[in-house]
């Protein structure tokens, strides 16, 4: 197998592209869906958020059993795949890694990046017995800059981004107004950080057929 950038599969008009890959290699698309770091993660022993380590590489931050904050590349799939591709460059076509698909619910990479996320974030924190947060405008702006730096490093190292809708909605069951509202929120709050994306991952596989006006809008 060889990792490919999912954006190679179709041109800007949605027409399939022909892949020209090394002989005897099968194309593989890898997706990490919903890498937002919701409040539930803070109770499950997994990473709390993404950070840049002392070398400027994207790493996971977690609290170990002794209560220490630990930053580690191998704590997140990103660092694991980066290391594997470094050791096995023929596993990646033109340096491709994977697609990180984001919602706008609660946060991005564990950081509240818009005041609109606070209600959902605090409800989720309360649900798992954790203290609520109240970042001010300057702290939210700082979070945005942190996330942009992480995104820039990910893009520079072969990762790309997609939408999982803003609210991880079942698009098939929503009317056009809800889909438009959800999409505009994603573009304003998440797309403003990632830059243009060409891929939408329908949550739970609830895709809409191409002839549907909602699909044409999306």
Protein backbone atom coordinates (compact mmCIF):
# COMPACT_ATOMS: atom_id res chain seq x y z
CA UNK A 1 0.00 0.00 0.00
CA UNK A 2 0.95 3.64 -0.44
CA UNK A 3 -0.62 6.65 1.27
CA UNK A 4 -2.08 9.22 -1.08
CA UNK A 5 -3.57 12.67 -0.61
CA UNK A 6 -7.36 12.27 -0.89
CA UNK A 7 -7.46 15.49 -2.94
CA UNK A 8 -5.77 13.59 -5.80
CA UNK A 9 -8.92 11.57 -6.39
CA UNK A 10 -10.91 14.36 -8.05
CA UNK A 11 -10.30 17.70 -9.71
CA UNK A 12 -11.92 20.99 -8.65
CA UNK A 13 -15.02 20.08 -10.68
CA UNK A 14 -15.42 16.74 -8.93
CA UNK A 15 -14.27 14.70 -11.92
CA UNK A 16 -12.22 11.58 -11.10
CA UNK A 17 -8.51 11.82 -11.75
CA UNK A 18 -6.31 9.00 -12.96
CA UNK A 19 -3.68 8.04 -10.41
CA UNK A 20 -0.13 7.33 -11.52
CA UNK A 21 1.48 5.41 -8.69
CA UNK A 22 4.59 3.26 -8.30
CA UNK A 23 4.16 -0.21 -9.75
CA UNK A 24 2.46 -2.80 -7.54
CA UNK A 25 1.28 -0.21 -5.01
CA UNK A 26 -2.34 0.06 -3.87
CA UNK A 27 -3.56 3.57 -2.94
CA UNK A 28 -4.55 4.07 0.69
CA UNK A 29 -6.43 7.07 2.11
CA UNK A 30 -6.13 7.56 5.87
CA UNK A 31 -8.61 9.73 7.79
CA UNK A 32 -8.62 10.78 11.44
CA UNK A 33 -12.17 11.97 12.10
CA UNK A 34 -13.16 14.47 14.76
CA UNK A 35 -9.68 15.23 16.12
CA UNK A 36 -11.09 18.05 18.23
CA UNK A 37 -10.35 16.76 21.76
CA UNK A 38 -13.76 16.98 23.35
CA UNK A 39 -14.19 17.20 27.12
CA UNK A 40 -14.87 13.46 27.35
CA UNK A 41 -11.22 12.91 26.40
CA UNK A 42 -10.09 14.64 29.58
CA UNK A 43 -11.60 11.80 31.62
CA UNK A 44 -10.60 8.87 29.40
CA UNK A 45 -6.82 8.96 29.82
CA UNK A 46 -6.11 9.99 26.24
CA UNK A 47 -4.59 13.25 25.01
CA UNK A 48 -6.01 16.54 26.23
CA UNK A 49 -4.93 18.54 23.20
CA UNK A 50 -2.28 18.95 20.53
CA UNK A 51 0.83 21.05 21.08
CA UNK A 52 4.08 21.84 19.32
CA UNK A 53 7.01 20.27 21.15
CA UNK A 54 10.43 21.87 21.71
CA UNK A 55 11.42 20.90 18.16
CA UNK A 56 8.28 22.42 16.65
CA UNK A 57 6.68 19.04 15.91
CA UNK A 58 3.01 18.23 16.52
CA UNK A 59 2.62 16.15 19.67
CA UNK A 60 -0.03 14.99 22.09
CA UNK A 61 -0.29 16.41 25.61
CA UNK A 62 -1.64 14.17 28.36
CA UNK A 63 -1.56 13.74 32.13
CA UNK A 64 0.13 10.54 33.29
CA UNK A 65 -0.86 8.37 36.25
CA UNK A 66 1.33 10.45 38.58
CA UNK A 67 -0.37 13.67 37.54
CA UNK A 68 2.47 14.94 35.37
CA UNK A 69 1.86 16.74 32.10
CA UNK A 70 3.59 14.80 29.30
CA UNK A 71 4.26 15.98 25.74
CA UNK A 72 5.01 13.11 23.38
CA UNK A 73 5.08 12.57 19.64
CA UNK A 74 4.14 8.91 20.09
CA UNK A 75 1.07 9.85 22.13
CA UNK A 76 -0.94 10.67 19.01
CA UNK A 77 -1.47 8.98 15.64
CA UNK A 78 0.11 11.98 13.92
CA UNK A 79 3.53 11.40 15.46
CA UNK A 80 3.29 7.65 14.99
CA UNK A 81 2.58 7.96 11.27
CA UNK A 82 5.19 10.67 10.76
CA UNK A 83 7.82 8.37 12.29
CA UNK A 84 6.71 5.39 10.22
CA UNK A 85 6.82 7.34 6.96
CA UNK A 86 10.23 8.73 7.88
CA UNK A 87 11.49 5.17 8.30
CA UNK A 88 9.54 3.84 5.29
CA UNK A 89 9.31 6.66 2.72
CA UNK A 90 7.96 4.31 0.04
CA UNK A 91 4.75 4.06 2.10
CA UNK A 92 3.84 7.65 1.16
CA UNK A 93 3.22 9.11 -2.31
CA UNK A 94 4.82 12.56 -2.53
CA UNK A 95 4.98 12.80 1.24
CA UNK A 96 1.22 12.34 1.81
CA UNK A 97 0.11 11.46 5.35
CA UNK A 98 -3.60 11.63 6.19
CA UNK A 99 -6.70 13.79 6.36
CA UNK A 100 -7.76 15.31 9.67
CA UNK A 101 -11.50 15.90 9.67
CA UNK A 102 -12.77 18.50 12.12
CA UNK A 103 -16.07 19.63 13.57
CA UNK A 104 -16.51 22.97 15.33
CA UNK A 105 -18.16 21.48 18.42
CA UNK A 106 -16.57 22.57 21.75
CA UNK A 107 -13.09 23.30 20.48
CA UNK A 108 -10.37 22.66 17.87
CA UNK A 109 -7.45 20.48 18.99
CA UNK A 110 -8.61 21.07 22.59
CA UNK A 111 -8.58 24.87 22.30
CA UNK A 112 -11.67 27.08 22.44
CA UNK A 113 -11.23 29.14 19.30
CA UNK A 114 -14.57 30.99 19.19
CA UNK A 115 -16.96 32.32 21.86
CA UNK A 116 -19.73 30.34 20.15
CA UNK A 117 -18.07 27.11 21.34
CA UNK A 118 -18.20 28.00 25.03
CA UNK A 119 -21.74 26.85 25.82
CA UNK A 120 -21.12 23.40 24.36
CA UNK A 121 -17.65 23.17 25.94
CA UNK A 122 -18.88 24.07 29.42
CA UNK A 123 -21.87 21.75 29.22
CA UNK A 124 -19.54 18.92 28.24
CA UNK A 125 -17.07 19.78 31.02
CA UNK A 126 -19.87 19.84 33.58
CA UNK A 127 -21.16 16.48 32.33
CA UNK A 128 -17.82 14.83 33.17
CA UNK A 129 -17.42 16.63 36.49
CA UNK A 130 -14.80 19.16 35.43
CA UNK A 131 -14.60 22.89 36.01
CA UNK A 132 -16.04 25.19 33.39
CA UNK A 133 -13.86 27.65 31.49
CA UNK A 134 -14.33 31.31 30.65
CA UNK A 135 -11.55 32.50 28.31
CA UNK A 136 -11.61 36.18 27.43
CA UNK A 137 -11.30 37.57 23.92
CA UNK A 138 -7.52 37.83 24.06
CA UNK A 139 -7.18 34.24 25.28
CA UNK A 140 -9.45 33.01 22.49
CA UNK A 141 -7.39 34.99 19.97
CA UNK A 142 -4.24 33.37 21.39
CA UNK A 143 -5.86 29.94 21.03
CA UNK A 144 -6.61 30.72 17.39
CA UNK A 145 -2.96 31.56 16.77
CA UNK A 146 -1.81 28.38 18.51
CA UNK A 147 -4.15 26.26 16.38
CA UNK A 148 -3.03 28.02 13.20
CA UNK A 149 0.60 27.21 14.01
CA UNK A 150 -0.27 23.54 14.56
CA UNK A 151 -2.25 23.44 11.32
CA UNK A 152 0.58 25.10 9.41
CA UNK A 153 3.06 22.49 10.67
CA UNK A 154 0.68 19.63 9.85
CA UNK A 155 0.13 20.92 6.32
CA UNK A 156 3.87 21.35 5.83
CA UNK A 157 4.42 17.70 6.77
CA UNK A 158 1.85 16.14 4.42
CA UNK A 159 -1.39 16.33 6.38
CA UNK A 160 -4.56 17.96 5.04
CA UNK A 161 -7.96 18.86 6.42
CA UNK A 162 -11.64 18.17 5.87
CA UNK A 163 -14.98 19.03 7.45
CA UNK A 164 -17.11 16.67 9.52
CA UNK A 165 -19.76 19.43 9.63
CA UNK A 166 -19.81 21.95 12.46
CA UNK A 167 -22.10 20.03 14.79
CA UNK A 168 -21.38 16.47 13.56
CA UNK A 169 -24.91 16.48 12.18
CA UNK A 170 -26.70 13.71 10.36
CA UNK A 171 -26.92 15.73 7.15
CA UNK A 172 -29.37 13.36 5.47
CA UNK A 173 -32.01 14.19 8.11
CA UNK A 174 -31.53 17.97 8.02
CA UNK A 175 -33.30 20.54 5.86
CA UNK A 176 -31.42 23.02 3.69
CA UNK A 177 -31.61 25.82 6.27
CA UNK A 178 -29.92 23.70 8.94
CA UNK A 179 -27.23 22.55 6.52
CA UNK A 180 -26.51 26.11 5.38
CA UNK A 181 -26.33 27.38 8.97
CA UNK A 182 -24.06 24.52 10.01
CA UNK A 183 -21.78 24.95 7.00
CA UNK A 184 -21.48 28.72 7.43
CA UNK A 185 -20.51 28.21 11.08
CA UNK A 186 -17.85 25.66 10.09
CA UNK A 187 -16.39 27.96 7.45
CA UNK A 188 -16.32 30.93 9.84
CA UNK A 189 -14.99 29.16 12.91
CA UNK A 190 -12.93 26.26 11.58
CA UNK A 191 -12.31 26.94 7.89
CA UNK A 192 -10.88 30.30 8.86
CA UNK A 193 -8.14 28.36 10.68
CA UNK A 194 -7.54 25.50 8.23
CA UNK A 195 -7.88 27.42 4.98
CA UNK A 196 -9.82 25.99 2.05
CA UNK A 197 -10.82 22.34 2.23
CA UNK A 198 -12.22 20.20 -0.57
CA UNK A 199 -13.53 17.22 1.41
CA UNK A 200 -16.61 16.70 3.57
CA UNK A 201 -16.90 13.58 5.71
CA UNK A 202 -20.59 12.89 6.26
CA UNK A 203 -20.95 12.00 9.97
CA UNK A 204 -21.89 8.36 10.50
CA UNK A 205 -21.84 7.83 6.73
CA UNK A 206 -25.20 9.61 6.29
CA UNK A 207 -24.34 10.93 2.83
CA UNK A 208 -26.71 12.84 0.55
CA UNK A 209 -27.03 11.80 -3.10
CA UNK A 210 -25.51 14.13 -5.66
CA UNK A 211 -28.84 15.03 -7.29
CA UNK A 212 -30.18 16.42 -4.00
CA UNK A 213 -30.07 20.25 -3.79
CA UNK A 214 -28.44 19.94 -0.34
CA UNK A 215 -25.63 17.87 -1.85
CA UNK A 216 -25.13 20.42 -4.62
CA UNK A 217 -24.92 23.17 -1.99
CA UNK A 218 -22.35 21.24 0.02
